[in-house]
Amino acid sequence: MAEVVKKATRDAYGETLVELGAEYPDLVVLDSDLAGATKTGMFRKAYPDRFFNCGIAEQNMMGIAAGLAACGKKVFASTFAMFAAGRAFEQVRNSIGYPHLPVKIGATHAGVSVGEDGATHQCCEDIALMRTIPGMTVINPADAVEAAKAVRAAVKLDGPAYLRFGRLAVPVIFDDSYSFEIGKGVQLKEGRDVAIIATGLLVSEALDAAELLKNQGISARVINIATIKPIDREIIIAAARETGAIVTAEEHSILGGLGGAVAETVCEAAPVPVLRVGVEDVFGKSGPGAELLKLFGLTAENIAAKAKQAIALKNS
């Protein structure tokens, strides 16, 4: 068996910024004293005159980003998800979202896989927060390939975007032939008994869950949803109607994230059982990222167990 290649989505983010810097002379990058962690340090090294360290002042950074965007610059503003979506929420809402400025927020270190930094830095609420801002596009790529393509798509977007990246190296699912489109989900595996709709690093776990279910005679469809807003209603409604049962999987609170977005869509158009795998309304803990994923049930085994529960519900 070939060795699984792993790479953190934040690494792909940094690398792609450097590539875009050569293509767009008006592209600038802002960071809040975390360039080494967010990987924007790669851009700083390549284009020091277009990189701005705003210090540990995330609210101010978002205001600067808004001003630069209003002057015609292509702007990426980066920090940890906890600070981008949490600490700076008001500035993102009022200075970027309200005037619909094309600021791209590169939020790294999302979810519990941040690890030892603990609950204060493990943001599991950011997707929910960003989804509520009118006109905000929210993207949570599954692997490094999708992350790079999402950044390239975002730079062309006329409006604000929140791009969510992780600290942990995750399996590479896609190859360079993969075509990413904002607002479009991708079916990765056909199935008739249940649909597993996943985002971010849980996409690889969803694929593993489908294999576990296959060994038990259960056919599971797997769908990758990278763009959580605007969400691909068509692919979700089709999955609901054709399988009759859905499980969502995300490294985020089960409240307000992918699970909420899918449930809203299904409830309106094709009501079927929807069970959610995610962080269940609790704060994180300090520990190794991989162990925390197991602790919070963000695993293929738990996804497979939820899938069987969803099938039982549809058959009851």
C-alpha atoms as a PDB file:
ATOM      1  CA  MET A   1       0.000   0.000   0.000  1.00  0.00           C
ATOM      2  CA  ALA A   2       1.303   3.448  -0.924  1.00  0.00           C
ATOM      3  CA  GLU A   3       2.248   5.691   1.969  1.00  0.00           C
ATOM      4  CA  VAL A   4      -0.317   8.395   2.719  1.00  0.00           C
ATOM      5  CA  VAL A   5       1.084  11.849   1.989  1.00  0.00           C
ATOM      6  CA  LYS A   6       0.207  14.432   4.631  1.00  0.00           C
ATOM      7  CA  LYS A   7       0.485  18.201   4.537  1.00  0.00           C
ATOM      8  CA  ALA A   8      -1.042  21.006   6.585  1.00  0.00           C
ATOM      9  CA  THR A   9      -3.454  23.305   4.779  1.00  0.00           C
ATOM     10  CA  ARG A  10      -1.699  26.317   6.336  1.00  0.00           C
ATOM     11  CA  ASP A  11       1.483  25.328   4.470  1.00  0.00           C
ATOM     12  CA  ALA A  12      -0.383  25.367   1.171  1.00  0.00           C
ATOM     13  CA  TYR A  13      -1.797  28.763   2.108  1.00  0.00           C
ATOM     14  CA  GLY A  14       1.651  30.274   2.603  1.00  0.00           C
ATOM     15  CA  GLU A  15       3.046  28.760  -0.568  1.00  0.00           C
ATOM     16  CA  THR A  16       0.125  29.969  -2.670  1.00  0.00           C
ATOM     17  CA  LEU A  17       0.412  33.510  -1.343  1.00  0.00           C
ATOM     18  CA  VAL A  18       3.982  33.615  -2.645  1.00  0.00           C
ATOM     19  CA  GLU A  19       2.834  32.424  -6.085  1.00  0.00           C
ATOM     20  CA  LEU A  20       0.048  34.998  -6.158  1.00  0.00           C
ATOM     21  CA  GLY A  21       2.466  37.713  -5.117  1.00  0.00           C
ATOM     22  CA  ALA A  22       4.298  37.238  -8.410  1.00  0.00           C
ATOM     23  CA  GLU A  23       1.052  37.323 -10.383  1.00  0.00           C
ATOM     24  CA  TYR A  24      -0.582  40.279  -8.631  1.00  0.00           C
ATOM     25  CA  PRO A  25       1.703  43.260  -7.922  1.00  0.00           C
ATOM     26  CA  ASP A  26      -1.131  44.880  -5.933  1.00  0.00           C
ATOM     27  CA  LEU A  27      -1.475  41.954  -3.513  1.00  0.00           C
ATOM     28  CA  VAL A  28      -0.562  42.690   0.112  1.00  0.00           C
ATOM     29  CA  VAL A  29      -0.506  40.453   3.182  1.00  0.00           C
ATOM     30  CA  LEU A  30      -1.153  41.462   6.786  1.00  0.00           C
ATOM     31  CA  ASP A  31      -0.431  39.413   9.887  1.00  0.00           C
ATOM     32  CA  SER A  32      -0.724  39.903  13.630  1.00  0.00           C
ATOM     33  CA  ASP A  33       2.742  38.800  14.753  1.00  0.00           C
ATOM     34  CA  LEU A  34       2.143  35.136  13.870  1.00  0.00           C
ATOM     35  CA  ALA A  35       3.784  34.929  10.438  1.00  0.00           C
ATOM     36  CA  GLY A  36       5.773  31.830  11.344  1.00  0.00           C
ATOM     37  CA  ALA A  37       2.673  29.943  12.456  1.00  0.00           C
ATOM     38  CA  THR A  38       0.267  31.177   9.785  1.00  0.00           C
ATOM     39  CA  LYS A  39       2.944  30.638   7.098  1.00  0.00           C
ATOM     40  CA  THR A  40       2.593  34.184   5.780  1.00  0.00           C
ATOM     41  CA  GLY A  41       6.285  34.456   6.647  1.00  0.00           C
ATOM     42  CA  MET A  42       6.915  32.902   3.235  1.00  0.00           C
ATOM     43  CA  PHE A  43       5.313  35.954   1.615  1.00  0.00           C
ATOM     44  CA  ARG A  44       7.232  38.299   3.936  1.00  0.00           C
ATOM     45  CA  LYS A  45      10.505  36.784   2.799  1.00  0.00           C
ATOM     46  CA  ALA A  46       9.601  37.019  -0.893  1.00  0.00           C
ATOM     47  CA  TYR A  47       7.914  40.446  -0.824  1.00  0.00           C
ATOM     48  CA  PRO A  48       8.954  42.331   2.315  1.00  0.00           C
ATOM     49  CA  ASP A  49       7.633  45.648   0.989  1.00  0.00           C
ATOM     50  CA  ARG A  50       4.118  44.195   0.627  1.00  0.00           C
ATOM     51  CA  PHE A  51       3.942  42.495   4.016  1.00  0.00           C
ATOM     52  CA  PHE A  52       2.700  44.306   7.117  1.00  0.00           C
ATOM     53  CA  ASN A  53       3.070  42.962  10.648  1.00  0.00           C
ATOM     54  CA  CYS A  54       0.273  44.663  12.554  1.00  0.00           C
ATOM     55  CA  GLY A  55       1.325  43.236  15.896  1.00  0.00           C
ATOM     56  CA  ILE A  56      -0.944  41.608  18.430  1.00  0.00           C
ATOM     57  CA  ALA A  57      -3.781  43.938  17.471  1.00  0.00           C
ATOM     58  CA  GLU A  58      -6.168  41.897  15.369  1.00  0.00           C
ATOM     59  CA  GLN A  59      -9.019  44.410  15.421  1.00  0.00           C
ATOM     60  CA  ASN A  60      -6.694  47.102  14.108  1.00  0.00           C
ATOM     61  CA  MET A  61      -5.363  44.704  11.452  1.00  0.00           C
ATOM     62  CA  MET A  62      -8.874  44.171  10.091  1.00  0.00           C
ATOM     63  CA  GLY A  63      -9.400  47.923   9.920  1.00  0.00           C
ATOM     64  CA  ILE A  64      -6.119  48.349   8.030  1.00  0.00           C
ATOM     65  CA  ALA A  65      -7.104  45.525   5.693  1.00  0.00           C
ATOM     66  CA  ALA A  66     -10.405  47.247   4.990  1.00  0.00           C
ATOM     67  CA  GLY A  67      -8.646  50.528   4.222  1.00  0.00           C
ATOM     68  CA  LEU A  68      -6.184  48.900   1.843  1.00  0.00           C
ATOM     69  CA  ALA A  69      -8.982  47.046   0.068  1.00  0.00           C
ATOM     70  CA  ALA A  70     -10.962  50.288  -0.270  1.00  0.00           C
ATOM     71  CA  CYS A  71      -7.876  51.760  -2.005  1.00  0.00           C
ATOM     72  CA  GLY A  72      -7.857  48.945  -4.569  1.00  0.00           C
ATOM     73  CA  LYS A  73      -5.377  46.502  -3.060  1.00  0.00           C
ATOM     74  CA  LYS A  74      -5.875  42.745  -3.015  1.00  0.00           C
ATOM     75  CA  VAL A  75      -5.636  41.996   0.700  1.00  0.00           C
ATOM     76  CA  PHE A  76      -5.065  38.868   2.768  1.00  0.00           C
ATOM     77  CA  ALA A  77      -5.235  39.335   6.546  1.00  0.00           C
ATOM     78  CA  SER A  78      -4.040  36.409   8.660  1.00  0.00           C
ATOM     79  CA  THR A  79      -4.055  35.245  12.230  1.00  0.00           C
ATOM     80  CA  PHE A  80      -5.361  32.297  14.240  1.00  0.00           C
ATOM     81  CA  ALA A  81      -9.057  31.518  13.747  1.00  0.00           C
ATOM     82  CA  MET A  82      -9.784  32.346  17.383  1.00  0.00           C
ATOM     83  CA  PHE A  83      -8.551  35.883  16.907  1.00  0.00           C
ATOM     84  CA  ALA A  84      -9.770  36.444  13.341  1.00  0.00           C
ATOM     85  CA  ALA A  85     -13.345  35.329  13.970  1.00  0.00           C
ATOM     86  CA  GLY A  86     -13.516  35.878  17.714  1.00  0.00           C
ATOM     87  CA  ARG A  87     -11.480  38.845  18.868  1.00  0.00           C
ATOM     88  CA  ALA A  88     -11.960  40.837  15.656  1.00  0.00           C
ATOM     89  CA  PHE A  89     -15.570  39.888  14.901  1.00  0.00           C
ATOM     90  CA  GLU A  90     -16.935  43.428  15.171  1.00  0.00           C
ATOM     91  CA  GLN A  91     -14.301  44.844  12.823  1.00  0.00           C
ATOM     92  CA  VAL A  92     -14.793  42.009  10.335  1.00  0.00           C
ATOM     93  CA  ARG A  93     -18.548  42.581  10.418  1.00  0.00           C
ATOM     94  CA  ASN A  94     -18.620  46.362  10.299  1.00  0.00           C
ATOM     95  CA  SER A  95     -15.425  47.337   8.449  1.00  0.00           C
ATOM     96  CA  ILE A  96     -15.205  44.451   5.954  1.00  0.00           C
ATOM     97  CA  GLY A  97     -18.600  42.735   5.728  1.00  0.00           C
ATOM     98  CA  TYR A  98     -20.899  45.762   5.821  1.00  0.00           C
ATOM     99  CA  PRO A  99     -19.138  47.636   2.947  1.00  0.00           C
ATOM    100  CA  HIS A 100     -18.586  44.277   1.209  1.00  0.00           C
ATOM    101  CA  LEU A 101     -14.862  44.852   0.752  1.00  0.00           C
ATOM    102  CA  PRO A 102     -12.744  42.160  -0.941  1.00  0.00           C
ATOM    103  CA  VAL A 103     -10.630  41.298   2.095  1.00  0.00           C
ATOM    104  CA  LYS A 104      -9.628  37.639   2.329  1.00  0.00           C
ATOM    105  CA  ILE A 105      -9.179  36.433   5.897  1.00  0.00           C
ATOM    106  CA  GLY A 106      -6.683  33.593   6.192  1.00  0.00           C
ATOM    107  CA  ALA A 107      -7.578  31.991   9.537  1.00  0.00           C
ATOM    108  CA  THR A 108      -5.200  29.245  10.622  1.00  0.00           C
ATOM    109  CA  HIS A 109      -5.055  26.927  13.649  1.00  0.00           C
ATOM    110  CA  ALA A 110      -8.797  26.267  13.614  1.00  0.00           C
ATOM    111  CA  GLY A 111     -10.467  23.496  15.598  1.00  0.00           C
ATOM    112  CA  VAL A 112      -9.261  21.215  18.374  1.00  0.00           C
ATOM    113  CA  SER A 113      -6.344  19.885  16.317  1.00  0.00           C
ATOM    114  CA  VAL A 114      -4.453  23.030  17.343  1.00  0.00           C
ATOM    115  CA  GLY A 115      -3.502  20.746  20.213  1.00  0.00           C
ATOM    116  CA  GLU A 116      -1.542  21.815  23.256  1.00  0.00           C
ATOM    117  CA  ASP A 117      -2.541  25.490  23.014  1.00  0.00           C
ATOM    118  CA  GLY A 118      -5.810  24.431  24.624  1.00  0.00           C
ATOM    119  CA  ALA A 119      -9.383  25.680  24.730  1.00  0.00           C
ATOM    120  CA  THR A 120      -8.548  29.390  24.540  1.00  0.00           C
ATOM    121  CA  HIS A 121      -6.966  28.892  21.113  1.00  0.00           C
ATOM    122  CA  GLN A 122      -9.108  26.033  19.772  1.00  0.00           C
ATOM    123  CA  CYS A 123     -11.772  27.906  17.844  1.00  0.00           C
ATOM    124  CA  CYS A 124     -14.757  25.689  17.112  1.00  0.00           C
ATOM    125  CA  GLU A 125     -17.189  28.564  16.628  1.00  0.00           C
ATOM    126  CA  ASP A 126     -15.629  30.472  13.726  1.00  0.00           C
ATOM    127  CA  ILE A 127     -17.661  28.980  10.867  1.00  0.00           C
ATOM    128  CA  ALA A 128     -20.870  29.736  12.755  1.00  0.00           C
ATOM    129  CA  LEU A 129     -19.786  33.339  13.370  1.00  0.00           C
ATOM    130  CA  MET A 130     -18.638  34.006   9.817  1.00  0.00           C
ATOM    131  CA  ARG A 131     -21.746  32.398   8.280  1.00  0.00           C
ATOM    132  CA  THR A 132     -23.896  35.056   9.941  1.00  0.00           C
ATOM    133  CA  ILE A 133     -22.165  37.973   8.211  1.00  0.00           C
ATOM    134  CA  PRO A 134     -24.132  38.905   5.066  1.00  0.00           C
ATOM    135  CA  GLY A 135     -22.124  38.407   1.883  1.00  0.00           C
ATOM    136  CA  MET A 136     -19.255  36.567   3.587  1.00  0.00           C
ATOM    137  CA  THR A 137     -17.958  33.533   1.710  1.00  0.00           C
ATOM    138  CA  VAL A 138     -16.763  30.771   4.066  1.00  0.00           C
ATOM    139  CA  ILE A 139     -14.315  28.135   2.810  1.00  0.00           C
ATOM    140  CA  ASN A 140     -12.898  25.175   4.755  1.00  0.00           C
ATOM    141  CA  PRO A 141     -10.632  23.090   2.473  1.00  0.00           C
ATOM    142  CA  ALA A 142     -10.129  19.361   2.984  1.00  0.00           C
ATOM    143  CA  ASP A 143      -6.446  19.123   2.093  1.00  0.00           C
ATOM    144  CA  ALA A 144      -3.435  21.088   0.886  1.00  0.00           C
ATOM    145  CA  VAL A 145      -4.363  20.806  -2.802  1.00  0.00           C
ATOM    146  CA  GLU A 146      -7.858  22.143  -2.213  1.00  0.00           C
ATOM    147  CA  ALA A 147      -6.461  24.842   0.075  1.00  0.00           C
ATOM    148  CA  ALA A 148      -4.150  26.141  -2.644  1.00  0.00           C
ATOM    149  CA  LYS A 149      -6.920  26.165  -5.232  1.00  0.00           C
ATOM    150  CA  ALA A 150      -9.310  27.841  -2.791  1.00  0.00           C
ATOM    151  CA  VAL A 151      -6.842  30.665  -2.166  1.00  0.00           C
ATOM    152  CA  ARG A 152      -6.478  31.164  -5.921  1.00  0.00           C
ATOM    153  CA  ALA A 153     -10.245  31.250  -6.335  1.00  0.00           C
ATOM    154  CA  ALA A 154     -10.694  33.624  -3.402  1.00  0.00           C
ATOM    155  CA  VAL A 155      -8.291  36.252  -4.733  1.00  0.00           C
ATOM    156  CA  LYS A 156     -10.608  36.715  -7.731  1.00  0.00           C
ATOM    157  CA  LEU A 157     -13.740  36.935  -5.607  1.00  0.00           C
ATOM    158  CA  ASP A 158     -15.489  40.307  -5.521  1.00  0.00           C
ATOM    159  CA  GLY A 159     -16.259  40.427  -1.824  1.00  0.00           C
ATOM    160  CA  PRO A 160     -14.995  39.204   1.549  1.00  0.00           C
ATOM    161  CA  ALA A 161     -13.998  35.621   2.248  1.00  0.00           C
ATOM    162  CA  TYR A 162     -13.038  33.627   5.316  1.00  0.00           C
ATOM    163  CA  LEU A 163     -10.613  30.796   4.569  1.00  0.00           C
ATOM    164  CA  ARG A 164     -10.120  28.242   7.354  1.00  0.00           C
ATOM    165  CA  PHE A 165      -6.807  26.383   7.636  1.00  0.00           C
ATOM    166  CA  GLY A 166      -5.420  23.859  10.095  1.00  0.00           C
ATOM    167  CA  ARG A 167      -2.193  23.361  11.986  1.00  0.00           C
ATOM    168  CA  LEU A 168      -2.128  19.573  11.708  1.00  0.00           C
ATOM    169  CA  ALA A 169      -0.756  17.761   8.665  1.00  0.00           C
ATOM    170  CA  VAL A 170      -3.658  15.904   7.026  1.00  0.00           C
ATOM    171  CA  PRO A 171      -3.879  13.334   4.201  1.00  0.00           C
ATOM    172  CA  VAL A 172      -3.709  14.724   0.678  1.00  0.00           C
ATOM    173  CA  ILE A 173      -6.892  13.598  -1.076  1.00  0.00           C
ATOM    174  CA  PHE A 174      -6.824  15.476  -4.369  1.00  0.00           C
ATOM    175  CA  ASP A 175      -4.245  15.848  -7.127  1.00  0.00           C
ATOM    176  CA  ASP A 176      -3.423  18.815  -9.338  1.00  0.00           C
ATOM    177  CA  SER A 177      -6.182  17.871 -11.804  1.00  0.00           C
ATOM    178  CA  TYR A 178      -8.818  18.672  -9.171  1.00  0.00           C
ATOM    179  CA  SER A 179     -11.031  21.586 -10.178  1.00  0.00           C
ATOM    180  CA  PHE A 180     -12.176  23.741  -7.259  1.00  0.00           C
ATOM    181  CA  GLU A 181     -15.133  26.076  -7.619  1.00  0.00           C
ATOM    182  CA  ILE A 182     -16.495  28.336  -4.884  1.00  0.00           C
ATOM    183  CA  GLY A 183     -19.988  27.221  -3.898  1.00  0.00           C
ATOM    184  CA  LYS A 184     -19.707  23.719  -5.368  1.00  0.00           C
ATOM    185  CA  GLY A 185     -19.536  20.487  -3.399  1.00  0.00           C
ATOM    186  CA  VAL A 186     -17.822  17.384  -4.747  1.00  0.00           C
ATOM    187  CA  GLN A 187     -19.029  13.808  -4.520  1.00  0.00           C
ATOM    188  CA  LEU A 188     -16.044  11.605  -3.729  1.00  0.00           C
ATOM    189  CA  LYS A 189     -17.785   8.253  -3.397  1.00  0.00           C
ATOM    190  CA  GLU A 190     -21.115   6.908  -4.651  1.00  0.00           C
ATOM    191  CA  GLY A 191     -23.517   5.358  -2.163  1.00  0.00           C
ATOM    192  CA  ARG A 192     -27.224   4.623  -1.785  1.00  0.00           C
ATOM    193  CA  ASP A 193     -27.810   3.888   1.931  1.00  0.00           C
ATOM    194  CA  VAL A 194     -26.537   7.044   3.601  1.00  0.00           C
ATOM    195  CA  ALA A 195     -24.709  10.251   2.659  1.00  0.00           C
ATOM    196  CA  ILE A 196     -21.724  11.445   4.675  1.00  0.00           C
ATOM    197  CA  ILE A 197     -21.229  15.166   4.091  1.00  0.00           C
ATOM    198  CA  ALA A 198     -17.898  16.376   5.440  1.00  0.00           C
ATOM    199  CA  THR A 199     -15.649  19.406   5.466  1.00  0.00           C
ATOM    200  CA  GLY A 200     -12.028  20.146   6.330  1.00  0.00           C
ATOM    201  CA  LEU A 201      -9.855  17.472   7.853  1.00  0.00           C
ATOM    202  CA  LEU A 202     -12.849  15.213   8.484  1.00  0.00           C
ATOM    203  CA  VAL A 203     -13.222  14.555   4.759  1.00  0.00           C
ATOM    204  CA  SER A 204     -10.445  11.961   4.922  1.00  0.00           C
ATOM    205  CA  GLU A 205     -12.122  10.431   7.992  1.00  0.00           C
ATOM    206  CA  ALA A 206     -15.413  10.329   6.074  1.00  0.00           C
ATOM    207  CA  LEU A 207     -13.746   8.367   3.278  1.00  0.00           C
ATOM    208  CA  ASP A 208     -12.335   5.927   5.839  1.00  0.00           C
ATOM    209  CA  ALA A 209     -15.780   5.646   7.422  1.00  0.00           C
ATOM    210  CA  ALA A 210     -17.266   4.708   4.053  1.00  0.00           C
ATOM    211  CA  GLU A 211     -14.760   1.866   3.783  1.00  0.00           C
ATOM    212  CA  LEU A 212     -15.662   0.643   7.272  1.00  0.00           C
ATOM    213  CA  LEU A 213     -19.338   0.670   6.312  1.00  0.00           C
ATOM    214  CA  LYS A 214     -18.637  -1.076   3.003  1.00  0.00           C
ATOM    215  CA  ASN A 215     -17.124  -3.972   4.953  1.00  0.00           C
ATOM    216  CA  GLN A 216     -20.443  -4.201   6.805  1.00  0.00           C
ATOM    217  CA  GLY A 217     -22.514  -4.213   3.617  1.00  0.00           C
ATOM    218  CA  ILE A 218     -23.525  -0.545   3.816  1.00  0.00           C
ATOM    219  CA  SER A 219     -23.162   1.740   0.808  1.00  0.00           C
ATOM    220  CA  ALA A 220     -22.182   5.277   1.881  1.00  0.00           C
ATOM    221  CA  ARG A 221     -22.019   8.294  -0.394  1.00  0.00           C
ATOM    222  CA  VAL A 222     -19.244  10.759   0.563  1.00  0.00           C
ATOM    223  CA  ILE A 223     -19.511  14.455  -0.289  1.00  0.00           C
ATOM    224  CA  ASN A 224     -16.878  17.108   0.327  1.00  0.00           C
ATOM    225  CA  ILE A 225     -18.273  20.550   1.110  1.00  0.00           C
ATOM    226  CA  ALA A 226     -15.418  23.046   1.139  1.00  0.00           C
ATOM    227  CA  THR A 227     -17.589  26.134   0.646  1.00  0.00           C
ATOM    228  CA  ILE A 228     -19.918  26.260   3.606  1.00  0.00           C
ATOM    229  CA  LYS A 229     -21.321  29.599   2.483  1.00  0.00           C
ATOM    230  CA  PRO A 230     -22.692  29.787  -0.166  1.00  0.00           C
ATOM    231  CA  ILE A 231     -23.421  26.091   0.275  1.00  0.00           C
ATOM    232  CA  ASP A 232     -24.162  23.737  -2.613  1.00  0.00           C
ATOM    233  CA  ARG A 233     -27.867  23.136  -1.998  1.00  0.00           C
ATOM    234  CA  GLU A 234     -28.263  21.039  -5.134  1.00  0.00           C
ATOM    235  CA  ILE A 235     -25.778  18.336  -4.145  1.00  0.00           C
ATOM    236  CA  ILE A 236     -27.155  18.193  -0.581  1.00  0.00           C
ATOM    237  CA  ILE A 237     -30.798  17.962  -1.626  1.00  0.00           C
ATOM    238  CA  ALA A 238     -29.946  15.247  -4.156  1.00  0.00           C
ATOM    239  CA  ALA A 239     -28.128  13.289  -1.444  1.00  0.00           C
ATOM    240  CA  ALA A 240     -31.099  13.607   0.888  1.00  0.00           C
ATOM    241  CA  ARG A 241     -33.587  12.424  -1.715  1.00  0.00           C
ATOM    242  CA  GLU A 242     -31.457   9.593  -3.077  1.00  0.00           C
ATOM    243  CA  THR A 243     -30.132   8.123   0.194  1.00  0.00           C
ATOM    244  CA  GLY A 244     -32.764   9.171   2.750  1.00  0.00           C
ATOM    245  CA  ALA A 245     -30.231   9.670   5.556  1.00  0.00           C
ATOM    246  CA  ILE A 246     -27.366  12.109   6.165  1.00  0.00           C
ATOM    247  CA  VAL A 247     -24.439  12.404   8.542  1.00  0.00           C
ATOM    248  CA  THR A 248     -22.369  15.584   8.672  1.00  0.00           C
ATOM    249  CA  ALA A 249     -18.758  15.642   9.873  1.00  0.00           C
ATOM    250  CA  GLU A 250     -16.689  18.673  10.831  1.00  0.00           C
ATOM    251  CA  GLU A 251     -13.956  19.820  13.192  1.00  0.00           C
ATOM    252  CA  HIS A 252     -16.235  22.523  14.548  1.00  0.00           C
ATOM    253  CA  SER A 253     -19.134  22.825  16.934  1.00  0.00           C
ATOM    254  CA  ILE A 254     -22.207  20.903  15.845  1.00  0.00           C
ATOM    255  CA  LEU A 255     -23.993  24.224  16.366  1.00  0.00           C
ATOM    256  CA  GLY A 256     -23.980  26.630  13.455  1.00  0.00           C
ATOM    257  CA  GLY A 257     -21.351  25.029  11.252  1.00  0.00           C
ATOM    258  CA  LEU A 258     -21.652  22.525   8.410  1.00  0.00           C
ATOM    259  CA  GLY A 259     -24.165  20.451  10.361  1.00  0.00           C
ATOM    260  CA  GLY A 260     -26.396  23.469  10.841  1.00  0.00           C
ATOM    261  CA  ALA A 261     -26.081  24.560   7.209  1.00  0.00           C
ATOM    262  CA  VAL A 262     -26.945  21.075   5.919  1.00  0.00           C
ATOM    263  CA  ALA A 263     -29.836  20.661   8.359  1.00  0.00           C
ATOM    264  CA  GLU A 264     -31.276  24.018   7.291  1.00  0.00           C
ATOM    265  CA  THR A 265     -31.087  23.006   3.633  1.00  0.00           C
ATOM    266  CA  VAL A 266     -32.538  19.539   4.151  1.00  0.00           C
ATOM    267  CA  CYS A 267     -35.339  20.739   6.447  1.00  0.00           C
ATOM    268  CA  GLU A 268     -36.511  23.224   3.831  1.00  0.00           C
ATOM    269  CA  ALA A 269     -36.307  21.027   0.754  1.00  0.00           C
ATOM    270  CA  ALA A 270     -36.059  17.288   1.515  1.00  0.00           C
ATOM    271  CA  PRO A 271     -36.568  16.360   5.178  1.00  0.00           C
ATOM    272  CA  VAL A 272     -34.618  13.235   6.176  1.00  0.00           C
ATOM    273  CA  PRO A 273     -32.720  12.232   9.339  1.00  0.00           C
ATOM    274  CA  VAL A 274     -29.567  14.357   9.768  1.00  0.00           C
ATOM    275  CA  LEU A 275     -27.048  13.361  12.451  1.00  0.00           C
ATOM    276  CA  ARG A 276     -24.011  15.513  13.189  1.00  0.00           C
ATOM    277  CA  VAL A 277     -20.440  14.575  14.058  1.00  0.00           C
ATOM    278  CA  GLY A 278     -18.522  17.481  15.541  1.00  0.00           C
ATOM    279  CA  VAL A 279     -17.599  19.113  18.833  1.00  0.00           C
ATOM    280  CA  GLU A 280     -20.712  18.768  20.960  1.00  0.00           C
ATOM    281  CA  ASP A 281     -21.202  22.153  22.637  1.00  0.00           C
ATOM    282  CA  VAL A 282     -18.123  21.900  24.857  1.00  0.00           C
ATOM    283  CA  PHE A 283     -14.802  23.690  25.054  1.00  0.00           C
ATOM    284  CA  GLY A 284     -11.591  22.048  23.915  1.00  0.00           C
ATOM    285  CA  LYS A 285      -8.760  20.640  25.997  1.00  0.00           C
ATOM    286  CA  SER A 286      -4.993  20.765  25.870  1.00  0.00           C
ATOM    287  CA  GLY A 287      -3.273  17.747  24.332  1.00  0.00           C
ATOM    288  CA  PRO A 288      -1.791  16.333  21.126  1.00  0.00           C
ATOM    289  CA  GLY A 289      -3.974  17.222  18.145  1.00  0.00           C
ATOM    290  CA  ALA A 290      -4.441  13.660  16.925  1.00  0.00           C
ATOM    291  CA  GLU A 291      -5.452  12.491  20.401  1.00  0.00           C
ATOM    292  CA  LEU A 292      -7.941  15.325  20.772  1.00  0.00           C
ATOM    293  CA  LEU A 293      -9.648  14.337  17.535  1.00  0.00           C
ATOM    294  CA  LYS A 294     -10.205  10.893  19.061  1.00  0.00           C
ATOM    295  CA  LEU A 295     -11.318  12.353  22.393  1.00  0.00           C
ATOM    296  CA  PHE A 296     -14.014  14.440  20.729  1.00  0.00           C
ATOM    297  CA  GLY A 297     -15.173  11.613  18.466  1.00  0.00           C
ATOM    298  CA  LEU A 298     -13.921  13.186  15.252  1.00  0.00           C
ATOM    299  CA  THR A 299     -13.003   9.809  13.787  1.00  0.00           C
ATOM    300  CA  ALA A 300     -13.977   7.429  11.009  1.00  0.00           C
ATOM    301  CA  GLU A 301     -15.316   4.990  13.588  1.00  0.00           C
ATOM    302  CA  ASN A 302     -17.696   7.535  15.093  1.00  0.00           C
ATOM    303  CA  ILE A 303     -18.826   8.729  11.668  1.00  0.00           C
ATOM    304  CA  ALA A 304     -19.590   5.120  10.693  1.00  0.00           C
ATOM    305  CA  ALA A 305     -21.528   4.577  13.929  1.00  0.00           C
ATOM    306  CA  LYS A 306     -23.601   7.732  13.306  1.00  0.00           C
ATOM    307  CA  ALA A 307     -24.261   6.573   9.747  1.00  0.00           C
ATOM    308  CA  LYS A 308     -25.787   3.341  11.035  1.00  0.00           C
ATOM    309  CA  GLN A 309     -27.932   5.330  13.468  1.00  0.00           C
ATOM    310  CA  ALA A 310     -29.151   7.564  10.635  1.00  0.00           C
ATOM    311  CA  ILE A 311     -30.046   4.531   8.524  1.00  0.00           C
ATOM    312  CA  ALA A 312     -31.949   3.051  11.466  1.00  0.00           C
ATOM    313  CA  LEU A 313     -33.883   6.311  11.842  1.00  0.00           C
ATOM    314  CA  LYS A 314     -34.905   6.422   8.197  1.00  0.00           C
ATOM    315  CA  ASN A 315     -36.069   2.802   8.395  1.00  0.00           C
ATOM    316  CA  SER A 316     -38.008   3.251  11.630  1.00  0.00           C
END
